[in-house]
Amino acid sequence: MADQYHDLSFEERMSRVDFRASEQPHIAVDTEVCRSCTTRACVTACPANLFVPTADGGILFNHEQCFECGTCYLVCDQSGAITWEYPAGGHGVVFRKG
């Protein structure tokens, strides 16, 4: 299975991913808690680059193209900053073969 992805560019791989975003985000970010964070680990760890620091010290998050990997939740060292749950049934990321 891994061999079929070996020669694909990042863009080609991403074209095989569907995001069925729910109106209700499966991740909530408490920007007030984020203001006291000095590491911003979620910004650098998110493989989809969905966390963006704001000028006022908060974090802007876009859930629509989330891979649901949970990395942000695992690396965050600020209690209560990130709340993560699985998307509602029928929503979320879908990987296609071809």
Protein backbone atom coordinates (compact mmCIF):
# COMPACT_ATOMS: atom_id res chain seq x y z
CA MET A 1 0.00 0.00 0.00
CA ALA A 2 2.80 2.44 0.86
CA ASP A 3 4.33 1.88 -2.58
CA GLN A 4 1.29 3.38 -4.32
CA TYR A 5 1.95 6.72 -2.58
CA HIS A 6 5.73 6.73 -3.11
CA ASP A 7 5.74 8.62 -6.41
CA LEU A 8 2.91 11.05 -5.59
CA SER A 9 3.54 14.72 -4.90
CA PHE A 10 2.07 16.34 -1.82
CA GLU A 11 -0.58 18.00 -3.98
CA GLU A 12 -1.56 14.65 -5.52
CA ARG A 13 -1.79 13.05 -2.08
CA MET A 14 -3.95 15.89 -0.80
CA SER A 15 -6.26 15.54 -3.81
CA ARG A 16 -7.14 12.10 -2.40
CA VAL A 17 -8.39 13.56 0.88
CA ASP A 18 -11.95 14.75 1.44
CA PHE A 19 -12.92 16.90 4.39
CA ARG A 20 -16.54 16.65 5.45
CA ALA A 21 -16.58 19.53 7.88
CA SER A 22 -19.34 19.82 10.40
CA GLU A 23 -20.75 23.19 11.33
CA GLN A 24 -19.87 22.27 14.91
CA PRO A 25 -16.06 22.14 15.29
CA HIS A 26 -14.62 19.00 16.86
CA ILE A 27 -11.77 21.06 18.32
CA ALA A 28 -12.26 24.17 20.41
CA VAL A 29 -9.39 26.53 21.23
CA ASP A 30 -9.66 28.84 24.24
CA THR A 31 -7.68 31.82 22.97
CA GLU A 32 -7.63 33.38 26.45
CA VAL A 33 -5.70 30.38 27.81
CA CYS A 34 -3.43 30.50 24.75
CA ARG A 35 -2.32 34.04 25.57
CA SER A 36 -0.20 32.74 28.46
CA CYS A 37 1.49 30.07 26.31
CA THR A 38 5.14 30.66 25.49
CA THR A 39 5.79 27.59 23.32
CA ARG A 40 2.97 27.72 20.74
CA ALA A 41 3.55 23.98 20.24
CA CYS A 42 0.23 23.58 18.40
CA VAL A 43 1.37 26.03 15.73
CA THR A 44 4.53 24.10 14.89
CA ALA A 45 3.17 20.58 15.47
CA CYS A 46 -0.04 20.66 13.41
CA PRO A 47 0.69 18.81 10.14
CA ALA A 48 -2.06 20.76 8.36
CA ASN A 49 -0.87 24.19 9.62
CA LEU A 50 -4.30 25.05 11.01
CA PHE A 51 -3.14 27.05 14.05
CA VAL A 52 -2.11 30.67 13.50
CA PRO A 53 -0.89 33.05 16.22
CA THR A 54 -2.73 36.38 16.27
CA ALA A 55 -1.22 39.80 16.93
CA ASP A 56 -3.01 40.03 20.28
CA GLY A 57 -1.39 36.81 21.58
CA GLY A 58 -4.23 34.42 20.84
CA ILE A 59 -4.52 31.54 18.41
CA LEU A 60 -6.77 31.34 15.36
CA PHE A 61 -7.84 27.81 14.46
CA ASN A 62 -9.60 26.49 11.34
CA HIS A 63 -11.13 23.01 11.82
CA GLU A 64 -12.36 22.49 8.25
CA GLN A 65 -9.21 20.75 6.96
CA CYS A 66 -8.15 18.95 10.13
CA PHE A 67 -6.65 15.44 9.79
CA GLU A 68 -8.01 14.52 13.24
CA CYS A 69 -4.59 13.28 14.33
CA GLY A 70 -4.84 14.80 17.82
CA THR A 71 -1.29 16.16 17.72
CA CYS A 72 -2.39 19.62 18.87
CA TYR A 73 -4.13 18.15 21.90
CA LEU A 74 -1.12 16.00 22.79
CA VAL A 75 1.53 18.73 22.55
CA CYS A 76 -0.45 21.50 24.22
CA ASP A 77 0.89 22.17 27.71
CA GLN A 78 -1.76 24.73 28.69
CA SER A 79 -4.56 23.06 30.63
CA GLY A 80 -7.92 23.77 29.00
CA ALA A 81 -6.53 25.49 25.92
CA ILE A 82 -7.62 22.78 23.48
CA THR A 83 -10.71 20.61 23.74
CA TRP A 84 -10.72 17.74 21.23
CA GLU A 85 -13.38 15.18 20.38
CA TYR A 86 -14.18 13.06 17.36
CA PRO A 87 -16.33 14.77 14.71
CA ALA A 88 -20.03 13.97 14.62
CA GLY A 89 -20.96 10.88 12.57
CA GLY A 90 -20.53 11.33 8.83
CA HIS A 91 -18.14 14.28 9.25
CA GLY A 92 -14.37 14.58 9.33
CA VAL A 93 -11.50 13.52 7.14
CA VAL A 94 -11.91 10.78 4.53
CA PHE A 95 -8.91 9.23 2.75
CA ARG A 96 -9.58 7.83 -0.72
CA LYS A 97 -7.48 5.29 -2.61
CA GLY A 98 -7.63 6.83 -6.02
